[in-house]
PDB file of N, CA and C in Angstrom:
ATOM      1  N   MET A   1      62.386 -25.226  80.097  1.00  0.00           N
ATOM      2  CA  MET A   1      62.696 -24.375  78.972  1.00  0.00           C
ATOM      3  C   MET A   1      61.385 -23.954  78.723  1.00  0.00           C
ATOM      4  N   GLY A   2      61.439 -22.384  78.757  1.00  0.00           N
ATOM      5  CA  GLY A   2      60.081 -21.714  78.185  1.00  0.00           C
ATOM      6  C   GLY A   2      59.905 -21.392  77.079  1.00  0.00           C
ATOM      7  N   VAL A   3      58.164 -21.392  76.063  1.00  0.00           N
ATOM      8  CA  VAL A   3      58.415 -21.122  74.741  1.00  0.00           C
ATOM      9  C   VAL A   3      57.882 -19.582  74.954  1.00  0.00           C
ATOM     10  N   ALA A   4      57.966 -18.661  74.138  1.00  0.00           N
ATOM     11  CA  ALA A   4      57.762 -17.529  73.952  1.00  0.00           C
ATOM     12  C   ALA A   4      56.973 -17.043  72.629  1.00  0.00           C
ATOM     13  N   LEU A   5      55.907 -16.660  72.010  1.00  0.00           N
ATOM     14  CA  LEU A   5      55.157 -15.968  71.471  1.00  0.00           C
ATOM     15  C   LEU A   5      55.304 -14.648  71.312  1.00  0.00           C
ATOM     16  N   VAL A   6      56.007 -14.677  70.021  1.00  0.00           N
ATOM     17  CA  VAL A   6      56.226 -12.869  69.602  1.00  0.00           C
ATOM     18  C   VAL A   6      55.645 -12.709  68.477  1.00  0.00           C
ATOM     19  N   TYR A   7      54.546 -11.686  68.785  1.00  0.00           N
ATOM     20  CA  TYR A   7      53.445 -11.169  67.871  1.00  0.00           C
ATOM     21  C   TYR A   7      53.967 -10.018  67.539  1.00  0.00           C
ATOM     22  N   ASN A   8      53.315  -9.267  66.362  1.00  0.00           N
ATOM     23  CA  ASN A   8      53.897  -7.728  65.598  1.00  0.00           C
ATOM     24  C   ASN A   8      53.761  -6.999  66.827  1.00  0.00           C
ATOM     25  N   TRP A   9      54.666  -6.085  67.090  1.00  0.00           N
ATOM     26  CA  TRP A   9      54.284  -4.875  68.194  1.00  0.00           C
ATOM     27  C   TRP A   9      53.551  -4.201  67.822  1.00  0.00           C
ATOM     28  N   TRP A  10      53.915  -3.565  66.579  1.00  0.00           N
ATOM     29  CA  TRP A  10      53.184  -2.595  65.664  1.00  0.00           C
ATOM     30  C   TRP A  10      51.232  -2.937  66.254  1.00  0.00           C
ATOM     31  N   SER A  11      51.069  -4.118  65.502  1.00  0.00           N
ATOM     32  CA  SER A  11      49.309  -4.558  65.458  1.00  0.00           C
ATOM     33  C   SER A  11      48.719  -4.463  66.837  1.00  0.00           C
ATOM     34  N   ILE A  12      49.820  -4.939  67.812  1.00  0.00           N
ATOM     35  CA  ILE A  12      49.138  -4.669  68.898  1.00  0.00           C
ATOM     36  C   ILE A  12      49.140  -3.104  69.272  1.00  0.00           C
ATOM     37  N   PHE A  13      50.127  -2.485  69.236  1.00  0.00           N
ATOM     38  CA  PHE A  13      49.780  -0.759  69.466  1.00  0.00           C
ATOM     39  C   PHE A  13      48.577  -0.372  68.747  1.00  0.00           C
ATOM     40  N   VAL A  14      48.244  -0.712  67.375  1.00  0.00           N
ATOM     41  CA  VAL A  14      47.522  -0.352  66.746  1.00  0.00           C
ATOM     42  C   VAL A  14      46.026  -0.720  67.455  1.00  0.00           C
ATOM     43  N   ARG A  15      46.285  -1.963  67.628  1.00  0.00           N
ATOM     44  CA  ARG A  15      44.760  -2.679  68.169  1.00  0.00           C
ATOM     45  C   ARG A  15      44.592  -1.833  69.442  1.00  0.00           C
ATOM     46  N   LEU A  16      45.602  -1.306  70.441  1.00  0.00           N
ATOM     47  CA  LEU A  16      45.335  -0.800  71.403  1.00  0.00           C
ATOM     48  C   LEU A  16      44.624   0.855  71.149  1.00  0.00           C
ATOM     49  N   VAL A  17      45.052   1.554  70.026  1.00  0.00           N
ATOM     50  CA  VAL A  17      44.944   2.796  69.983  1.00  0.00           C
ATOM     51  C   VAL A  17      43.408   3.294  68.861  1.00  0.00           C
ATOM     52  N   HIS A  18      43.118   1.509  68.397  1.00  0.00           N
ATOM     53  CA  HIS A  18      41.932   1.242  67.529  1.00  0.00           C
ATOM     54  C   HIS A  18      41.368   0.024  67.611  1.00  0.00           C
ATOM     55  N   PRO A  19      40.494   0.183  68.600  1.00  0.00           N
ATOM     56  CA  PRO A  19      39.819  -0.981  68.946  1.00  0.00           C
ATOM     57  C   PRO A  19      39.003  -1.789  68.564  1.00  0.00           C
ATOM     58  N   GLU A  20      38.332  -0.699  67.637  1.00  0.00           N
ATOM     59  CA  GLU A  20      37.044  -1.200  66.744  1.00  0.00           C
ATOM     60  C   GLU A  20      37.167  -2.498  65.657  1.00  0.00           C
ATOM     61  N   ALA A  21      38.627  -2.129  65.342  1.00  0.00           N
ATOM     62  CA  ALA A  21      38.976  -2.995  63.943  1.00  0.00           C
ATOM     63  C   ALA A  21      40.204  -2.754  63.911  1.00  0.00           C
ATOM     64  N   ARG A  22      40.986  -3.746  62.910  1.00  0.00           N
ATOM     65  CA  ARG A  22      42.275  -4.310  62.950  1.00  0.00           C
ATOM     66  C   ARG A  22      42.229  -2.917  61.726  1.00  0.00           C
ATOM     67  N   LEU A  23      43.900  -2.085  61.655  1.00  0.00           N
ATOM     68  CA  LEU A  23      44.189  -1.586  60.320  1.00  0.00           C
ATOM     69  C   LEU A  23      45.271  -1.839  59.924  1.00  0.00           C
ATOM     70  N   GLU A  24      45.416  -1.796  58.715  1.00  0.00           N
ATOM     71  CA  GLU A  24      46.719  -2.280  57.918  1.00  0.00           C
ATOM     72  C   GLU A  24      47.652  -1.505  58.590  1.00  0.00           C
ATOM     73  N   ALA A  25      49.450  -2.015  58.215  1.00  0.00           N
ATOM     74  CA  ALA A  25      50.544  -0.967  58.502  1.00  0.00           C
ATOM     75  C   ALA A  25      50.681  -0.699  57.544  1.00  0.00           C
ATOM     76  N   ILE A  26      50.660  -0.546  56.522  1.00  0.00           N
ATOM     77  CA  ILE A  26      50.551   0.354  55.114  1.00  0.00           C
ATOM     78  C   ILE A  26      49.637   1.860  55.441  1.00  0.00           C
ATOM     79  N   THR A  27      48.423   1.503  55.883  1.00  0.00           N
ATOM     80  CA  THR A  27      47.720   2.933  56.470  1.00  0.00           C
ATOM     81  C   THR A  27      47.835   3.298  57.925  1.00  0.00           C
ATOM     82  N   SER A  28      48.096   2.627  58.564  1.00  0.00           N
ATOM     83  CA  SER A  28      48.480   3.081  59.986  1.00  0.00           C
ATOM     84  C   SER A  28      49.865   3.604  60.392  1.00  0.00           C
ATOM     85  N   ARG A  29      50.528   3.616  60.090  1.00  0.00           N
ATOM     86  CA  ARG A  29      52.072   3.948  60.015  1.00  0.00           C
ATOM     87  C   ARG A  29      51.813   5.173  59.633  1.00  0.00           C
ATOM     88  N   PRO A  30      52.125   5.548  58.676  1.00  0.00           N
ATOM     89  CA  PRO A  30      51.797   6.944  58.244  1.00  0.00           C
ATOM     90  C   PRO A  30      50.788   7.793  59.052  1.00  0.00           C
ATOM     91  N   LEU A  31      49.459   7.217  59.271  1.00  0.00           N
ATOM     92  CA  LEU A  31      48.676   8.014  60.146  1.00  0.00           C
ATOM     93  C   LEU A  31      49.045   8.221  61.431  1.00  0.00           C
ATOM     94  N   LEU A  32      49.450   7.582  61.973  1.00  0.00           N
ATOM     95  CA  LEU A  32      50.106   7.577  63.763  1.00  0.00           C
ATOM     96  C   LEU A  32      51.317   7.691  63.861  1.00  0.00           C
ATOM     97  N   LEU A  33      52.402   7.859  62.536  1.00  0.00           N
ATOM     98  CA  LEU A  33      53.362   8.169  62.940  1.00  0.00           C
ATOM     99  C   LEU A  33      54.020   9.462  61.886  1.00  0.00           C
ATOM    100  N   SER A  34      53.014   9.836  61.196  1.00  0.00           N
ATOM    101  CA  SER A  34      53.399  11.278  60.612  1.00  0.00           C
ATOM    102  C   SER A  34      53.020  12.880  61.423  1.00  0.00           C
ATOM    103  N   ALA A  35      54.289  12.479  62.484  1.00  0.00           N
ATOM    104  CA  ALA A  35      54.396  13.786  63.585  1.00  0.00           C
ATOM    105  C   ALA A  35      55.897  14.086  63.585  1.00  0.00           C
ATOM    106  N   VAL A  36      56.372  15.684  64.041  1.00  0.00           N
ATOM    107  CA  VAL A  36      57.266  15.940  64.656  1.00  0.00           C
ATOM    108  C   VAL A  36      57.170  16.792  65.616  1.00  0.00           C
ATOM    109  N   ALA A  37      58.456  15.896  66.883  1.00  0.00           N
ATOM    110  CA  ALA A  37      58.015  16.337  68.459  1.00  0.00           C
ATOM    111  C   ALA A  37      58.806  17.025  69.060  1.00  0.00           C
ATOM    112  N   ARG A  38      59.188  17.452  69.372  1.00  0.00           N
ATOM    113  CA  ARG A  38      59.898  18.808  70.618  1.00  0.00           C
ATOM    114  C   ARG A  38      59.721  18.875  71.803  1.00  0.00           C
ATOM    115  N   GLN A  39      60.936  18.274  72.030  1.00  0.00           N
ATOM    116  CA  GLN A  39      60.941  18.349  74.027  1.00  0.00           C
ATOM    117  C   GLN A  39      61.560  19.266  74.210  1.00  0.00           C
ATOM    118  N   THR A  40      61.083  20.105  75.828  1.00  0.00           N
ATOM    119  CA  THR A  40      61.511  21.288  76.572  1.00  0.00           C
ATOM    120  C   THR A  40      61.792  21.123  77.677  1.00  0.00           C
ATOM    121  N   SER A  41      62.319  21.495  78.344  1.00  0.00           N
ATOM    122  CA  SER A  41      62.528  21.751  79.747  1.00  0.00           C
ATOM    123  C   SER A  41      62.462  22.678  80.478  1.00  0.00           C
ATOM    124  N   HIS A  42      61.446  23.239  81.517  1.00  0.00           N
ATOM    125  CA  HIS A  42      61.831  24.193  82.195  1.00  0.00           C
ATOM    126  C   HIS A  42      61.308  23.923  83.848  1.00  0.00           C
ATOM    127  N   ALA A  43      61.902  24.564  84.940  1.00  0.00           N
ATOM    128  CA  ALA A  43      61.781  24.212  86.217  1.00  0.00           C
ATOM    129  C   ALA A  43      61.060  22.739  86.561  1.00  0.00           C
ATOM    130  N   GLY A  44      62.145  21.990  85.502  1.00  0.00           N
ATOM    131  CA  GLY A  44      62.397  20.592  86.446  1.00  0.00           C
ATOM    132  C   GLY A  44      61.048  19.698  85.751  1.00  0.00           C
ATOM    133  N   GLN A  45      60.170  20.390  84.936  1.00  0.00           N
ATOM    134  CA  GLN A  45      58.977  19.508  84.388  1.00  0.00           C
ATOM    135  C   GLN A  45      59.698  19.348  82.364  1.00  0.00           C
ATOM    136  N   LYS A  46      59.490  18.686  82.085  1.00  0.00           N
ATOM    137  CA  LYS A  46      59.296  18.604  80.442  1.00  0.00           C
ATOM    138  C   LYS A  46      58.322  18.483  79.573  1.00  0.00           C
ATOM    139  N   LEU A  47      58.263  19.031  78.934  1.00  0.00           N
ATOM    140  CA  LEU A  47      56.783  19.513  77.966  1.00  0.00           C
ATOM    141  C   LEU A  47      57.461  18.692  76.342  1.00  0.00           C
ATOM    142  N   ILE A  48      56.421  17.666  75.994  1.00  0.00           N
ATOM    143  CA  ILE A  48      56.642  16.878  74.503  1.00  0.00           C
ATOM    144  C   ILE A  48      55.583  17.979  73.608  1.00  0.00           C
ATOM    145  N   ARG A  49      55.976  18.312  72.651  1.00  0.00           N
ATOM    146  CA  ARG A  49      55.101  19.667  71.681  1.00  0.00           C
ATOM    147  C   ARG A  49      54.770  18.270  70.602  1.00  0.00           C
ATOM    148  N   VAL A  50      53.996  17.940  70.052  1.00  0.00           N
ATOM    149  CA  VAL A  50      53.931  16.887  68.653  1.00  0.00           C
ATOM    150  C   VAL A  50      53.083  17.834  67.849  1.00  0.00           C
ATOM    151  N   THR A  51      53.405  17.737  66.452  1.00  0.00           N
ATOM    152  CA  THR A  51      52.992  18.927  65.639  1.00  0.00           C
ATOM    153  C   THR A  51      52.607  17.574  64.303  1.00  0.00           C
ATOM    154  N   PRO A  52      51.504  17.146  64.176  1.00  0.00           N
ATOM    155  CA  PRO A  52      50.922  16.248  63.477  1.00  0.00           C
ATOM    156  C   PRO A  52      51.413  16.962  61.827  1.00  0.00           C
ATOM    157  N   MET A  53      51.421  16.077  61.056  1.00  0.00           N
ATOM    158  CA  MET A  53      51.702  16.025  59.434  1.00  0.00           C
ATOM    159  C   MET A  53      50.606  15.910  58.756  1.00  0.00           C
ATOM    160  N   HIS A  54      49.977  14.755  59.230  1.00  0.00           N
ATOM    161  CA  HIS A  54      48.692  14.397  58.230  1.00  0.00           C
ATOM    162  C   HIS A  54      47.463  14.633  57.996  1.00  0.00           C
ATOM    163  N   ALA A  55      46.871  14.542  57.002  1.00  0.00           N
ATOM    164  CA  ALA A  55      45.534  15.214  56.751  1.00  0.00           C
ATOM    165  C   ALA A  55      44.592  15.040  57.737  1.00  0.00           C
ATOM    166  N   GLU A  56      44.632  13.636  58.472  1.00  0.00           N
ATOM    167  CA  GLU A  56      43.706  13.427  59.543  1.00  0.00           C
ATOM    168  C   GLU A  56      44.284  13.382  60.887  1.00  0.00           C
ATOM    169  N   ALA A  57      44.645  14.315  61.063  1.00  0.00           N
ATOM    170  CA  ALA A  57      46.176  14.424  62.093  1.00  0.00           C
ATOM    171  C   ALA A  57      44.397  14.447  63.614  1.00  0.00           C
ATOM    172  N   PRO A  58      43.292  15.257  63.202  1.00  0.00           N
ATOM    173  CA  PRO A  58      42.358  14.880  64.611  1.00  0.00           C
ATOM    174  C   PRO A  58      42.016  13.547  65.109  1.00  0.00           C
ATOM    175  N   ARG A  59      41.645  12.987  63.916  1.00  0.00           N
ATOM    176  CA  ARG A  59      41.609  11.234  63.884  1.00  0.00           C
ATOM    177  C   ARG A  59      42.703  10.812  64.724  1.00  0.00           C
ATOM    178  N   ALA A  60      43.727  10.595  64.411  1.00  0.00           N
ATOM    179  CA  ALA A  60      45.052  10.130  64.906  1.00  0.00           C
ATOM    180  C   ALA A  60      45.390  10.616  66.155  1.00  0.00           C
ATOM    181  N   GLN A  61      45.165  11.699  66.211  1.00  0.00           N
ATOM    182  CA  GLN A  61      45.131  12.509  68.182  1.00  0.00           C
ATOM    183  C   GLN A  61      44.105  11.629  68.992  1.00  0.00           C
ATOM    184  N   GLY A  62      42.747  12.083  68.853  1.00  0.00           N
ATOM    185  CA  GLY A  62      42.483  10.695  69.447  1.00  0.00           C
ATOM    186  C   GLY A  62      42.406   9.726  69.495  1.00  0.00           C
ATOM    187  N   MET A  63      43.136   8.949  68.558  1.00  0.00           N
ATOM    188  CA  MET A  63      42.946   7.189  68.977  1.00  0.00           C
ATOM    189  C   MET A  63      44.775   7.515  69.825  1.00  0.00           C
ATOM    190  N   LEU A  64      45.215   8.200  69.441  1.00  0.00           N
ATOM    191  CA  LEU A  64      46.647   7.972  70.546  1.00  0.00           C
ATOM    192  C   LEU A  64      46.347   8.724  71.920  1.00  0.00           C
ATOM    193  N   MET A  65      45.114   9.409  72.003  1.00  0.00           N
ATOM    194  CA  MET A  65      44.846  10.111  73.620  1.00  0.00           C
ATOM    195  C   MET A  65      44.270   9.062  74.025  1.00  0.00           C
ATOM    196  N   ARG A  66      43.551   7.765  73.598  1.00  0.00           N
ATOM    197  CA  ARG A  66      42.690   7.009  73.969  1.00  0.00           C
ATOM    198  C   ARG A  66      43.882   5.743  74.828  1.00  0.00           C
ATOM    199  N   ALA A  67      44.780   5.857  74.004  1.00  0.00           N
ATOM    200  CA  ALA A  67      45.804   5.183  74.355  1.00  0.00           C
ATOM    201  C   ALA A  67      46.801   5.097  75.456  1.00  0.00           C
ATOM    202  N   SER A  68      47.190   6.631  75.510  1.00  0.00           N
ATOM    203  CA  SER A  68      48.011   6.937  76.374  1.00  0.00           C
ATOM    204  C   SER A  68      46.841   7.515  77.550  1.00  0.00           C
ATOM    205  N   GLN A  69      45.659   7.167  77.950  1.00  0.00           N
ATOM    206  CA  GLN A  69      44.923   7.340  78.912  1.00  0.00           C
ATOM    207  C   GLN A  69      44.500   6.077  79.833  1.00  0.00           C
ATOM    208  N   LEU A  70      44.506   5.303  78.480  1.00  0.00           N
ATOM    209  CA  LEU A  70      44.661   3.508  78.922  1.00  0.00           C
ATOM    210  C   LEU A  70      45.585   3.201  79.866  1.00  0.00           C
ATOM    211  N   LEU A  71      46.976   3.494  79.262  1.00  0.00           N
ATOM    212  CA  LEU A  71      47.768   3.373  79.735  1.00  0.00           C
ATOM    213  C   LEU A  71      48.177   3.976  80.998  1.00  0.00           C
ATOM    214  N   SER A  72      47.805   5.105  80.626  1.00  0.00           N
ATOM    215  CA  SER A  72      48.030   5.927  82.443  1.00  0.00           C
ATOM    216  C   SER A  72      47.138   5.503  83.364  1.00  0.00           C
ATOM    217  N   SER A  73      46.194   4.905  83.152  1.00  0.00           N
ATOM    218  CA  SER A  73      44.705   4.478  84.244  1.00  0.00           C
ATOM    219  C   SER A  73      45.233   3.276  84.652  1.00  0.00           C
ATOM    220  N   TRP A  74      46.391   2.318  83.844  1.00  0.00           N
ATOM    221  CA  TRP A  74      46.570   0.788  84.590  1.00  0.00           C
ATOM    222  C   TRP A  74      48.034   1.619  85.173  1.00  0.00           C
ATOM    223  N   LYS A  75      48.738   2.308  85.011  1.00  0.00           N
ATOM    224  CA  LYS A  75      49.795   2.816  85.362  1.00  0.00           C
ATOM    225  C   LYS A  75      49.933   3.518  86.795  1.00  0.00           C
ATOM    226  N   HIS A  76      48.554   4.224  86.611  1.00  0.00           N
ATOM    227  CA  HIS A  76      48.469   4.497  88.414  1.00  0.00           C
ATOM    228  C   HIS A  76      47.729   3.735  89.189  1.00  0.00           C
ATOM    229  N   GLY A  77      46.778   3.014  88.608  1.00  0.00           N
ATOM    230  CA  GLY A  77      46.397   1.935  89.349  1.00  0.00           C
ATOM    231  C   GLY A  77      47.484   0.951  90.067  1.00  0.00           C
ATOM    232  N   ALA A  78      48.349   0.699  89.290  1.00  0.00           N
ATOM    233  CA  ALA A  78      49.150  -0.021  89.845  1.00  0.00           C
ATOM    234  C   ALA A  78      50.453   0.097  90.224  1.00  0.00           C
ATOM    235  N   GLU A  79      51.076   1.309  90.817  1.00  0.00           N
ATOM    236  CA  GLU A  79      52.254   2.026  90.813  1.00  0.00           C
ATOM    237  C   GLU A  79      52.945   0.903  91.955  1.00  0.00           C
ATOM    238  N   GLN A  80      52.311   0.676  92.662  1.00  0.00           N
ATOM    239  CA  GLN A  80      53.478  -0.350  93.918  1.00  0.00           C
ATOM    240  C   GLN A  80      53.307  -1.740  93.442  1.00  0.00           C
ATOM    241  N   LEU A  81      53.024  -1.888  91.831  1.00  0.00           N
ATOM    242  CA  LEU A  81      52.948  -3.360  91.253  1.00  0.00           C
ATOM    243  C   LEU A  81      54.080  -3.118  90.398  1.00  0.00           C
ATOM    244  N   ALA A  82      54.877  -4.616  90.189  1.00  0.00           N
ATOM    245  CA  ALA A  82      55.790  -4.872  88.942  1.00  0.00           C
ATOM    246  C   ALA A  82      55.543  -3.995  87.469  1.00  0.00           C
ATOM    247  N   VAL A  83      56.501  -4.027  86.605  1.00  0.00           N
ATOM    248  CA  VAL A  83      56.303  -4.005  85.366  1.00  0.00           C
ATOM    249  C   VAL A  83      55.454  -4.940  84.649  1.00  0.00           C
ATOM    250  N   PRO A  84      55.327  -6.375  84.917  1.00  0.00           N
ATOM    251  CA  PRO A  84      54.820  -7.113  83.879  1.00  0.00           C
ATOM    252  C   PRO A  84      53.444  -6.869  84.538  1.00  0.00           C
ATOM    253  N   SER A  85      53.084  -6.201  85.700  1.00  0.00           N
ATOM    254  CA  SER A  85      51.596  -6.346  86.064  1.00  0.00           C
ATOM    255  C   SER A  85      50.723  -5.407  85.096  1.00  0.00           C
ATOM    256  N   VAL A  86      51.794  -4.332  84.689  1.00  0.00           N
ATOM    257  CA  VAL A  86      51.015  -3.744  83.449  1.00  0.00           C
ATOM    258  C   VAL A  86      50.722  -4.156  82.202  1.00  0.00           C
ATOM    259  N   LEU A  87      51.621  -5.018  81.818  1.00  0.00           N
ATOM    260  CA  LEU A  87      51.822  -6.127  80.684  1.00  0.00           C
ATOM    261  C   LEU A  87      50.546  -7.345  80.602  1.00  0.00           C
ATOM    262  N   GLN A  88      50.013  -7.465  81.863  1.00  0.00           N
ATOM    263  CA  GLN A  88      49.299  -8.228  82.145  1.00  0.00           C
ATOM    264  C   GLN A  88      48.336  -7.528  81.719  1.00  0.00           C
ATOM    265  N   ARG A  89      47.881  -6.570  82.142  1.00  0.00           N
ATOM    266  CA  ARG A  89      46.664  -5.883  81.931  1.00  0.00           C
ATOM    267  C   ARG A  89      46.579  -5.747  80.962  1.00  0.00           C
ATOM    268  N   LEU A  90      47.767  -4.827  79.808  1.00  0.00           N
ATOM    269  CA  LEU A  90      47.449  -5.191  78.310  1.00  0.00           C
ATOM    270  C   LEU A  90      46.990  -6.531  77.663  1.00  0.00           C
ATOM    271  N   CYS A  91      47.267  -7.612  78.064  1.00  0.00           N
ATOM    272  CA  CYS A  91      47.150  -8.964  77.356  1.00  0.00           C
ATOM    273  C   CYS A  91      45.794  -9.375  77.661  1.00  0.00           C
ATOM    274  N   ASP A  92      45.353  -8.997  79.184  1.00  0.00           N
ATOM    275  CA  ASP A  92      43.752  -9.201  79.244  1.00  0.00           C
ATOM    276  C   ASP A  92      43.404  -8.377  78.661  1.00  0.00           C
ATOM    277  N   TYR A  93      43.268  -7.246  78.565  1.00  0.00           N
ATOM    278  CA  TYR A  93      42.405  -6.546  77.300  1.00  0.00           C
ATOM    279  C   TYR A  93      42.381  -6.530  76.115  1.00  0.00           C
ATOM    280  N   LEU A  94      43.310  -6.804  75.556  1.00  0.00           N
ATOM    281  CA  LEU A  94      43.681  -7.438  74.184  1.00  0.00           C
ATOM    282  C   LEU A  94      42.732  -8.797  74.287  1.00  0.00           C
ATOM    283  N   ILE A  95      42.817  -9.949  75.191  1.00  0.00           N
ATOM    284  CA  ILE A  95      42.392 -10.759  74.758  1.00  0.00           C
ATOM    285  C   ILE A  95      40.518 -10.832  75.090  1.00  0.00           C
ATOM    286  N   ARG A  96      40.052  -9.784  75.952  1.00  0.00           N
ATOM    287  CA  ARG A  96      38.602  -9.346  75.766  1.00  0.00           C
ATOM    288  C   ARG A  96      38.174  -8.538  74.689  1.00  0.00           C
ATOM    289  N   LEU A  97      39.064  -7.833  74.330  1.00  0.00           N
ATOM    290  CA  LEU A  97      38.944  -7.230  72.923  1.00  0.00           C
ATOM    291  C   LEU A  97      38.532  -7.964  72.019  1.00  0.00           C
ATOM    292  N   ILE A  98      39.706  -8.614  71.518  1.00  0.00           N
ATOM    293  CA  ILE A  98      39.769  -9.514  70.450  1.00  0.00           C
ATOM    294  C   ILE A  98      38.762 -10.834  70.428  1.00  0.00           C
ATOM    295  N   ALA A  99      38.661 -11.505  71.247  1.00  0.00           N
ATOM    296  CA  ALA A  99      37.661 -12.716  71.476  1.00  0.00           C
ATOM    297  C   ALA A  99      36.458 -12.324  71.911  1.00  0.00           C
ATOM    298  N   GLY A 100      36.445 -11.538  72.293  1.00  0.00           N
ATOM    299  CA  GLY A 100      34.795 -11.143  72.626  1.00  0.00           C
ATOM    300  C   GLY A 100      34.520 -11.802  74.102  1.00  0.00           C
ATOM    301  N   SER A 101      35.446 -11.672  74.669  1.00  0.00           N
ATOM    302  CA  SER A 101      34.728 -12.629  76.311  1.00  0.00           C
ATOM    303  C   SER A 101      35.648 -12.307  77.078  1.00  0.00           C
ATOM    304  N   PRO A 102      35.271 -12.843  78.236  1.00  0.00           N
ATOM    305  CA  PRO A 102      36.138 -11.929  79.441  1.00  0.00           C
ATOM    306  C   PRO A 102      37.571 -13.261  79.529  1.00  0.00           C
ATOM    307  N   ALA A 103      38.430 -12.483  80.103  1.00  0.00           N
ATOM    308  CA  ALA A 103      39.869 -13.504  80.244  1.00  0.00           C
ATOM    309  C   ALA A 103      39.621 -13.759  81.433  1.00  0.00           C
ATOM    310  N   SER A 104      38.955 -15.126  81.615  1.00  0.00           N
ATOM    311  CA  SER A 104      38.571 -16.152  82.413  1.00  0.00           C
ATOM    312  C   SER A 104      39.904 -16.840  83.306  1.00  0.00           C
ATOM    313  N   ARG A 105      40.606 -17.369  82.473  1.00  0.00           N
ATOM    314  CA  ARG A 105      42.734 -17.712  82.794  1.00  0.00           C
ATOM    315  C   ARG A 105      43.491 -16.550  82.415  1.00  0.00           C
ATOM    316  N   ARG A 106      43.882 -16.384  83.437  1.00  0.00           N
ATOM    317  CA  ARG A 106      45.250 -15.440  83.403  1.00  0.00           C
ATOM    318  C   ARG A 106      46.438 -15.989  82.754  1.00  0.00           C
ATOM    319  N   LEU A 107      47.055 -15.165  82.307  1.00  0.00           N
ATOM    320  CA  LEU A 107      48.310 -15.611  81.392  1.00  0.00           C
ATOM    321  C   LEU A 107      49.253 -15.446  82.441  1.00  0.00           C
ATOM    322  N   HIS A 108      50.225 -16.627  82.345  1.00  0.00           N
ATOM    323  CA  HIS A 108      51.404 -16.607  83.229  1.00  0.00           C
ATOM    324  C   HIS A 108      52.436 -16.142  82.628  1.00  0.00           C
ATOM    325  N   LEU A 109      52.803 -14.906  83.091  1.00  0.00           N
ATOM    326  CA  LEU A 109      54.082 -14.495  82.387  1.00  0.00           C
ATOM    327  C   LEU A 109      55.293 -14.566  82.731  1.00  0.00           C
ATOM    328  N   LEU A 110      56.257 -14.835  82.333  1.00  0.00           N
ATOM    329  CA  LEU A 110      57.778 -15.349  82.765  1.00  0.00           C
ATOM    330  C   LEU A 110      58.190 -13.767  83.734  1.00  0.00           C
ATOM    331  N   PRO A 111      58.604 -13.875  84.981  1.00  0.00           N
ATOM    332  CA  PRO A 111      59.226 -13.002  85.700  1.00  0.00           C
ATOM    333  C   PRO A 111      59.992 -12.031  85.126  1.00  0.00           C
ATOM    334  N   CYS A 112      60.099 -10.532  85.429  1.00  0.00           N
ATOM    335  CA  CYS A 112      60.735  -9.796  84.576  1.00  0.00           C
ATOM    336  C   CYS A 112      62.247  -9.720  85.430  1.00  0.00           C
ATOM    337  N   TYR A 113      63.475 -10.349  84.523  1.00  0.00           N
ATOM    338  CA  TYR A 113      64.494 -10.172  85.466  1.00  0.00           C
ATOM    339  C   TYR A 113      65.645  -9.253  84.711  1.00  0.00           C
ATOM    340  N   VAL A 114      65.642  -8.113  85.586  1.00  0.00           N
ATOM    341  CA  VAL A 114      66.101  -6.688  85.262  1.00  0.00           C
ATOM    342  C   VAL A 114      67.780  -6.641  85.767  1.00  0.00           C
TER     343      VAL A 114
END
């Protein structure tokens, strides 16, 4: 029987977009979630246009772009690998970030059964 530790996903996401320090949920949620999005499709392509509503929208945009680029680089570099490998890369990144040391031992994640 395995044991799984569950962490607050919002805290993990905020640490990904703002690696310098922790942000409290009471301030980070309005900053990162105050936007209206609209999806349009044309010629088989989908475009999502996001209109920020927060006074510090440029700061939020920079944080979200950094996370998007990081996640895209992990997915692009590992398209032939299974989904848990991207999760493994995220865990390794957070261990290096929070502990301040390289992830010498890899976490063994349970296989993804779909």
